[in-house]
Amino acid sequence: MPLMPATAPAHHDRQLVFTSSQAARYLGVSLATIRRWADAGHLSCYRTPGGQRRFSRDQLDTFITSLHRSGPAGASHHTSAAA
């Protein structure tokens, strides 16, 4: 499954901050994968006062770019089973 932000719905073009669910949709992966990547430090995020993860579009786009540079080995992270 390719990770291409260009295939995301048009409303994401204006959105600057994403919830975990929105980030998962934007990257085309599961919510569990987003959580795993963030917890492992692969994907940068910040936490709200309530502890919820928030992702900037720039962070997500930078992450996608880094996956493409690292090739299939880097992209394989999203295929592991949910914890």
N, C-alpha and C. Protein backbone atom coordinates (compact mmCIF):
# COMPACT_ATOMS: atom_id res chain seq x y z
N MET A 1 0.86 -1.17 0.00
CA MET A 1 0.00 0.00 0.00
C MET A 1 0.90 1.24 0.00
N PRO A 2 0.82 2.08 -1.02
CA PRO A 2 1.69 3.26 -1.07
C PRO A 2 1.28 4.31 -0.07
N LEU A 3 2.27 4.99 0.46
CA LEU A 3 2.02 6.08 1.41
C LEU A 3 2.18 7.38 0.65
N MET A 4 1.08 7.89 0.12
CA MET A 4 1.13 9.08 -0.72
C MET A 4 0.14 10.12 -0.22
N PRO A 5 0.60 11.24 0.32
CA PRO A 5 -0.33 12.24 0.81
C PRO A 5 -1.17 12.86 -0.31
N ALA A 6 -0.71 12.79 -1.55
CA ALA A 6 -1.46 13.38 -2.65
C ALA A 6 -2.79 12.67 -2.85
N THR A 7 -2.93 11.44 -2.37
CA THR A 7 -4.17 10.71 -2.54
C THR A 7 -5.17 10.99 -1.42
N ALA A 8 -4.75 11.79 -0.45
CA ALA A 8 -5.63 12.13 0.67
C ALA A 8 -6.74 13.05 0.20
N PRO A 9 -7.88 13.05 0.87
CA PRO A 9 -8.97 13.95 0.49
C PRO A 9 -8.52 15.41 0.49
N ALA A 10 -9.15 16.22 -0.34
CA ALA A 10 -8.75 17.61 -0.54
C ALA A 10 -8.80 18.43 0.75
N HIS A 11 -9.71 18.13 1.68
CA HIS A 11 -9.79 18.94 2.90
C HIS A 11 -8.52 18.86 3.73
N HIS A 12 -7.70 17.83 3.54
CA HIS A 12 -6.43 17.73 4.25
C HIS A 12 -5.43 18.77 3.78
N ASP A 13 -5.61 19.30 2.57
CA ASP A 13 -4.68 20.29 2.04
C ASP A 13 -4.62 21.53 2.92
N ARG A 14 -5.70 21.85 3.58
CA ARG A 14 -5.76 23.04 4.42
C ARG A 14 -5.54 22.72 5.89
N GLN A 15 -5.62 21.46 6.25
CA GLN A 15 -5.52 21.06 7.65
C GLN A 15 -4.07 21.04 8.10
N LEU A 16 -3.80 21.67 9.24
CA LEU A 16 -2.43 21.74 9.75
C LEU A 16 -2.17 20.78 10.89
N VAL A 17 -3.21 20.42 11.66
CA VAL A 17 -3.05 19.54 12.80
C VAL A 17 -4.02 18.36 12.65
N PHE A 18 -3.48 17.16 12.90
CA PHE A 18 -4.26 15.94 12.73
C PHE A 18 -4.35 15.18 14.05
N THR A 19 -5.50 14.57 14.31
CA THR A 19 -5.62 13.61 15.40
C THR A 19 -4.95 12.31 14.95
N SER A 20 -4.84 11.36 15.83
CA SER A 20 -4.26 10.06 15.45
C SER A 20 -5.06 9.40 14.34
N SER A 21 -6.37 9.43 14.44
CA SER A 21 -7.22 8.81 13.42
C SER A 21 -7.07 9.51 12.07
N GLN A 22 -7.01 10.83 12.10
CA GLN A 22 -6.84 11.59 10.86
C GLN A 22 -5.47 11.33 10.26
N ALA A 23 -4.44 11.24 11.10
CA ALA A 23 -3.10 10.95 10.62
C ALA A 23 -3.05 9.56 9.98
N ALA A 24 -3.73 8.60 10.58
CA ALA A 24 -3.78 7.25 10.02
C ALA A 24 -4.41 7.27 8.63
N ARG A 25 -5.52 7.98 8.49
CA ARG A 25 -6.17 8.10 7.18
C ARG A 25 -5.26 8.80 6.18
N TYR A 26 -4.62 9.84 6.61
CA TYR A 26 -3.74 10.63 5.75
C TYR A 26 -2.57 9.78 5.22
N LEU A 27 -2.03 8.92 6.09
CA LEU A 27 -0.90 8.08 5.68
C LEU A 27 -1.34 6.75 5.08
N GLY A 28 -2.62 6.41 5.21
CA GLY A 28 -3.13 5.17 4.65
C GLY A 28 -2.74 3.94 5.45
N VAL A 29 -2.65 4.11 6.78
CA VAL A 29 -2.31 3.00 7.67
C VAL A 29 -3.35 2.92 8.78
N SER A 30 -3.23 1.91 9.62
CA SER A 30 -4.19 1.75 10.71
C SER A 30 -3.87 2.70 11.88
N LEU A 31 -4.85 2.91 12.71
CA LEU A 31 -4.67 3.71 13.92
C LEU A 31 -3.62 3.08 14.83
N ALA A 32 -3.63 1.76 14.93
CA ALA A 32 -2.64 1.06 15.76
C ALA A 32 -1.22 1.32 15.24
N THR A 33 -1.06 1.39 13.93
CA THR A 33 0.25 1.65 13.35
C THR A 33 0.72 3.05 13.71
N ILE A 34 -0.17 4.04 13.63
CA ILE A 34 0.19 5.42 14.00
C ILE A 34 0.64 5.45 15.46
N ARG A 35 -0.11 4.80 16.32
CA ARG A 35 0.25 4.77 17.75
C ARG A 35 1.61 4.12 17.96
N ARG A 36 1.84 2.99 17.28
CA ARG A 36 3.11 2.27 17.40
C ARG A 36 4.27 3.14 16.92
N TRP A 37 4.11 3.76 15.75
CA TRP A 37 5.17 4.61 15.21
C TRP A 37 5.47 5.78 16.14
N ALA A 38 4.43 6.40 16.68
CA ALA A 38 4.63 7.54 17.59
C ALA A 38 5.30 7.08 18.88
N ASP A 39 4.83 5.99 19.46
CA ASP A 39 5.40 5.49 20.71
C ASP A 39 6.85 5.05 20.54
N ALA A 40 7.20 4.56 19.36
CA ALA A 40 8.57 4.12 19.08
C ALA A 40 9.48 5.29 18.72
N GLY A 41 8.89 6.47 18.52
CA GLY A 41 9.68 7.64 18.17
C GLY A 41 9.95 7.79 16.68
N HIS A 42 9.32 6.96 15.85
CA HIS A 42 9.51 7.05 14.41
C HIS A 42 8.74 8.22 13.81
N LEU A 43 7.64 8.57 14.45
CA LEU A 43 6.76 9.63 13.96
C LEU A 43 6.58 10.64 15.07
N SER A 44 6.97 11.88 14.79
CA SER A 44 6.89 12.94 15.81
C SER A 44 5.45 13.38 16.03
N CYS A 45 5.14 13.65 17.28
CA CYS A 45 3.83 14.19 17.62
C CYS A 45 3.98 14.99 18.91
N TYR A 46 2.93 15.67 19.29
CA TYR A 46 2.91 16.27 20.61
C TYR A 46 1.63 15.83 21.29
N ARG A 47 1.59 15.99 22.59
CA ARG A 47 0.43 15.55 23.38
C ARG A 47 -0.34 16.76 23.87
N THR A 48 -1.65 16.64 23.82
CA THR A 48 -2.52 17.67 24.38
C THR A 48 -2.47 17.56 25.90
N PRO A 49 -2.99 18.55 26.63
CA PRO A 49 -3.04 18.42 28.09
C PRO A 49 -3.79 17.16 28.54
N GLY A 50 -4.71 16.68 27.71
CA GLY A 50 -5.44 15.46 28.03
C GLY A 50 -4.70 14.19 27.63
N GLY A 51 -3.51 14.32 27.03
CA GLY A 51 -2.70 13.16 26.68
C GLY A 51 -2.92 12.63 25.27
N GLN A 52 -3.75 13.30 24.48
CA GLN A 52 -3.99 12.82 23.12
C GLN A 52 -2.88 13.26 22.18
N ARG A 53 -2.54 12.39 21.24
CA ARG A 53 -1.50 12.72 20.26
C ARG A 53 -2.04 13.67 19.20
N ARG A 54 -1.18 14.59 18.78
CA ARG A 54 -1.50 15.48 17.66
C ARG A 54 -0.29 15.51 16.73
N PHE A 55 -0.57 15.52 15.43
CA PHE A 55 0.47 15.47 14.42
C PHE A 55 0.31 16.66 13.48
N SER A 56 1.41 17.28 13.13
CA SER A 56 1.33 18.36 12.14
C SER A 56 1.45 17.73 10.75
N ARG A 57 0.85 18.40 9.77
CA ARG A 57 0.95 17.91 8.40
C ARG A 57 2.42 17.86 7.97
N ASP A 58 3.20 18.86 8.38
CA ASP A 58 4.62 18.87 8.03
C ASP A 58 5.33 17.64 8.61
N GLN A 59 5.01 17.26 9.84
CA GLN A 59 5.61 16.07 10.45
C GLN A 59 5.24 14.81 9.65
N LEU A 60 3.98 14.72 9.25
CA LEU A 60 3.53 13.55 8.50
C LEU A 60 4.20 13.50 7.13
N ASP A 61 4.28 14.64 6.46
CA ASP A 61 4.91 14.68 5.14
C ASP A 61 6.41 14.35 5.23
N THR A 62 7.08 14.84 6.28
CA THR A 62 8.50 14.54 6.48
C THR A 62 8.68 13.05 6.72
N PHE A 63 7.78 12.46 7.49
CA PHE A 63 7.84 11.03 7.76
C PHE A 63 7.67 10.22 6.48
N ILE A 64 6.71 10.60 5.65
CA ILE A 64 6.49 9.90 4.37
C ILE A 64 7.76 9.98 3.52
N THR A 65 8.34 11.17 3.45
CA THR A 65 9.56 11.35 2.66
C THR A 65 10.68 10.45 3.17
N SER A 66 10.81 10.34 4.50
CA SER A 66 11.86 9.50 5.06
C SER A 66 11.62 8.03 4.75
N LEU A 67 10.36 7.60 4.70
CA LEU A 67 10.05 6.22 4.34
C LEU A 67 10.45 5.93 2.91
N HIS A 68 10.16 6.86 2.01
CA HIS A 68 10.49 6.67 0.62
C HIS A 68 12.00 6.62 0.41
N ARG A 69 12.75 7.41 1.18
CA ARG A 69 14.21 7.41 1.07
C ARG A 69 14.80 6.10 1.57
N SER A 70 14.20 5.54 2.65
CA SER A 70 14.75 4.33 3.24
C SER A 70 14.35 3.08 2.48
N GLY A 71 13.42 3.20 1.54
CA GLY A 71 13.03 2.07 0.70
C GLY A 71 12.11 1.10 1.41
N PRO A 72 11.98 -0.10 0.84
CA PRO A 72 11.04 -1.08 1.37
C PRO A 72 11.30 -1.46 2.82
N ALA A 73 12.54 -1.47 3.27
CA ALA A 73 12.80 -1.83 4.66
C ALA A 73 12.16 -0.84 5.61
N GLY A 74 12.22 0.46 5.30
CA GLY A 74 11.60 1.48 6.14
C GLY A 74 10.10 1.42 6.07
N ALA A 75 9.56 1.11 4.90
CA ALA A 75 8.11 1.05 4.72
C ALA A 75 7.51 -0.18 5.37
N SER A 76 8.32 -1.19 5.70
CA SER A 76 7.78 -2.43 6.25
C SER A 76 7.26 -2.26 7.66
N HIS A 77 7.58 -1.15 8.33
CA HIS A 77 7.10 -0.94 9.71
C HIS A 77 5.59 -1.03 9.82
N HIS A 78 4.85 -0.61 8.78
CA HIS A 78 3.40 -0.58 8.89
C HIS A 78 2.77 -1.95 8.73
N THR A 79 3.55 -2.99 8.43
CA THR A 79 2.97 -4.30 8.23
C THR A 79 2.98 -5.17 9.48
N SER A 80 3.62 -4.72 10.56
CA SER A 80 3.67 -5.54 11.77
C SER A 80 2.31 -5.61 12.45
N ALA A 81 2.09 -6.66 13.18
CA ALA A 81 0.80 -6.89 13.85
C ALA A 81 0.61 -5.89 14.99
N ALA A 82 -0.64 -5.58 15.25
CA ALA A 82 -0.97 -4.66 16.34
C ALA A 82 -0.60 -5.29 17.67
N ALA A 83 -0.11 -4.47 18.57
CA ALA A 83 0.29 -4.98 19.90
C ALA A 83 -0.90 -5.19 20.79
